[in-house]
Amino acid sequence: MDQKLLDEINEKMKTLLAQGPVADIEKNMRALLAGMFSRLDLVTREEFDVQREVLLRTRAKLAELEKKVAALEAETSRPPASR
């Protein structure tokens, strides 16, 4: 994480702690963290797992298509008499 972000968190924490009751601190911390996380390009574990499965299926399909293309290329490169 970059130093500016850490300094911002530190300053916000000091401000929150100086304000008072624990409930307010918890509420403010949740809002602060939610705001910081929203600025980062994060995904949920569920979204990550879904995209991983899509990628695995896509890779398998690509491998299958590459084999078919190779077979077709081999077939078209044979002399006409052996077809």
Protein backbone atom coordinates (compact mmCIF):
# COMPACT_ATOMS: atom_id res chain seq x y z
CA MET A 1 0.00 0.00 0.00
CA ASP A 2 1.30 3.45 -0.63
CA GLN A 3 2.38 5.67 2.25
CA LYS A 4 -0.22 8.36 1.53
CA LEU A 5 -3.04 5.86 2.04
CA LEU A 6 -1.52 4.61 5.30
CA ASP A 7 -1.08 8.19 6.55
CA GLU A 8 -4.69 8.92 5.65
CA ILE A 9 -5.85 5.88 7.61
CA ASN A 10 -3.72 6.92 10.59
CA GLU A 11 -5.12 10.44 10.61
CA LYS A 12 -8.70 9.21 10.32
CA MET A 13 -8.11 6.75 13.17
CA LYS A 14 -6.77 9.53 15.41
CA THR A 15 -9.78 11.68 14.56
CA LEU A 16 -12.21 8.85 15.23
CA LEU A 17 -10.64 7.92 18.55
CA ALA A 18 -10.76 11.52 19.72
CA GLN A 19 -14.48 11.83 19.00
CA GLY A 20 -15.93 9.57 21.61
CA PRO A 21 -17.99 6.42 22.09
CA VAL A 22 -17.00 3.04 20.76
CA ALA A 23 -20.18 2.67 18.69
CA ASP A 24 -19.38 5.84 16.77
CA ILE A 25 -15.82 4.67 16.22
CA GLU A 26 -17.00 1.32 14.87
CA LYS A 27 -19.53 2.98 12.57
CA ASN A 28 -16.97 5.47 11.29
CA MET A 29 -14.31 2.78 10.82
CA ARG A 30 -16.69 0.69 8.76
CA ALA A 31 -17.51 3.68 6.57
CA LEU A 32 -13.82 4.57 6.24
CA LEU A 33 -12.78 1.05 5.31
CA ALA A 34 -15.70 0.64 2.91
CA GLY A 35 -14.68 3.87 1.19
CA MET A 36 -11.05 2.79 0.90
CA PHE A 37 -11.92 -0.66 -0.36
CA SER A 38 -14.28 0.79 -2.95
CA ARG A 39 -11.37 2.83 -4.35
CA LEU A 40 -9.33 -0.34 -4.79
CA ASP A 41 -10.14 -2.70 -7.62
CA LEU A 42 -11.15 -5.62 -5.42
CA VAL A 43 -13.52 -8.45 -6.21
CA THR A 44 -15.28 -10.85 -3.90
CA ARG A 45 -14.04 -14.39 -3.58
CA GLU A 46 -17.24 -15.56 -5.28
CA GLU A 47 -16.63 -13.28 -8.29
CA PHE A 48 -13.03 -14.48 -8.46
CA ASP A 49 -14.05 -18.15 -8.37
CA VAL A 50 -16.66 -17.63 -11.11
CA GLN A 51 -14.13 -15.91 -13.37
CA ARG A 52 -11.58 -18.64 -12.65
CA GLU A 53 -14.04 -21.31 -13.77
CA VAL A 54 -14.86 -19.34 -16.93
CA LEU A 55 -11.15 -19.06 -17.69
CA LEU A 56 -10.58 -22.79 -17.15
CA ARG A 57 -13.46 -23.67 -19.50
CA THR A 58 -12.18 -21.19 -22.07
CA ARG A 59 -8.68 -22.66 -21.93
CA ALA A 60 -10.06 -26.18 -22.39
CA LYS A 61 -12.15 -25.06 -25.37
CA LEU A 62 -9.13 -23.27 -26.87
CA ALA A 63 -6.99 -26.41 -26.54
CA GLU A 64 -9.73 -28.44 -28.23
CA LEU A 65 -10.02 -25.95 -31.09
CA GLU A 66 -6.24 -25.84 -31.52
CA LYS A 67 -6.21 -29.62 -31.93
CA LYS A 68 -8.99 -29.42 -34.53
CA VAL A 69 -7.17 -26.70 -36.46
CA ALA A 70 -3.94 -28.71 -36.39
CA ALA A 71 -5.79 -31.78 -37.70
CA LEU A 72 -7.42 -29.77 -40.49
CA GLU A 73 -4.10 -28.18 -41.43
CA ALA A 74 -2.46 -31.61 -41.54
CA GLU A 75 -5.29 -32.92 -43.72
CA THR A 76 -5.08 -30.03 -46.18
CA SER A 77 -1.29 -30.28 -46.44
CA ARG A 78 -1.40 -33.93 -47.62
CA PRO A 79 -1.01 -34.64 -51.33
CA PRO A 80 -4.37 -35.08 -53.17
CA ALA A 81 -3.78 -38.82 -53.82
CA SER A 82 -3.68 -39.71 -50.12
CA ARG A 83 -6.93 -37.90 -49.21
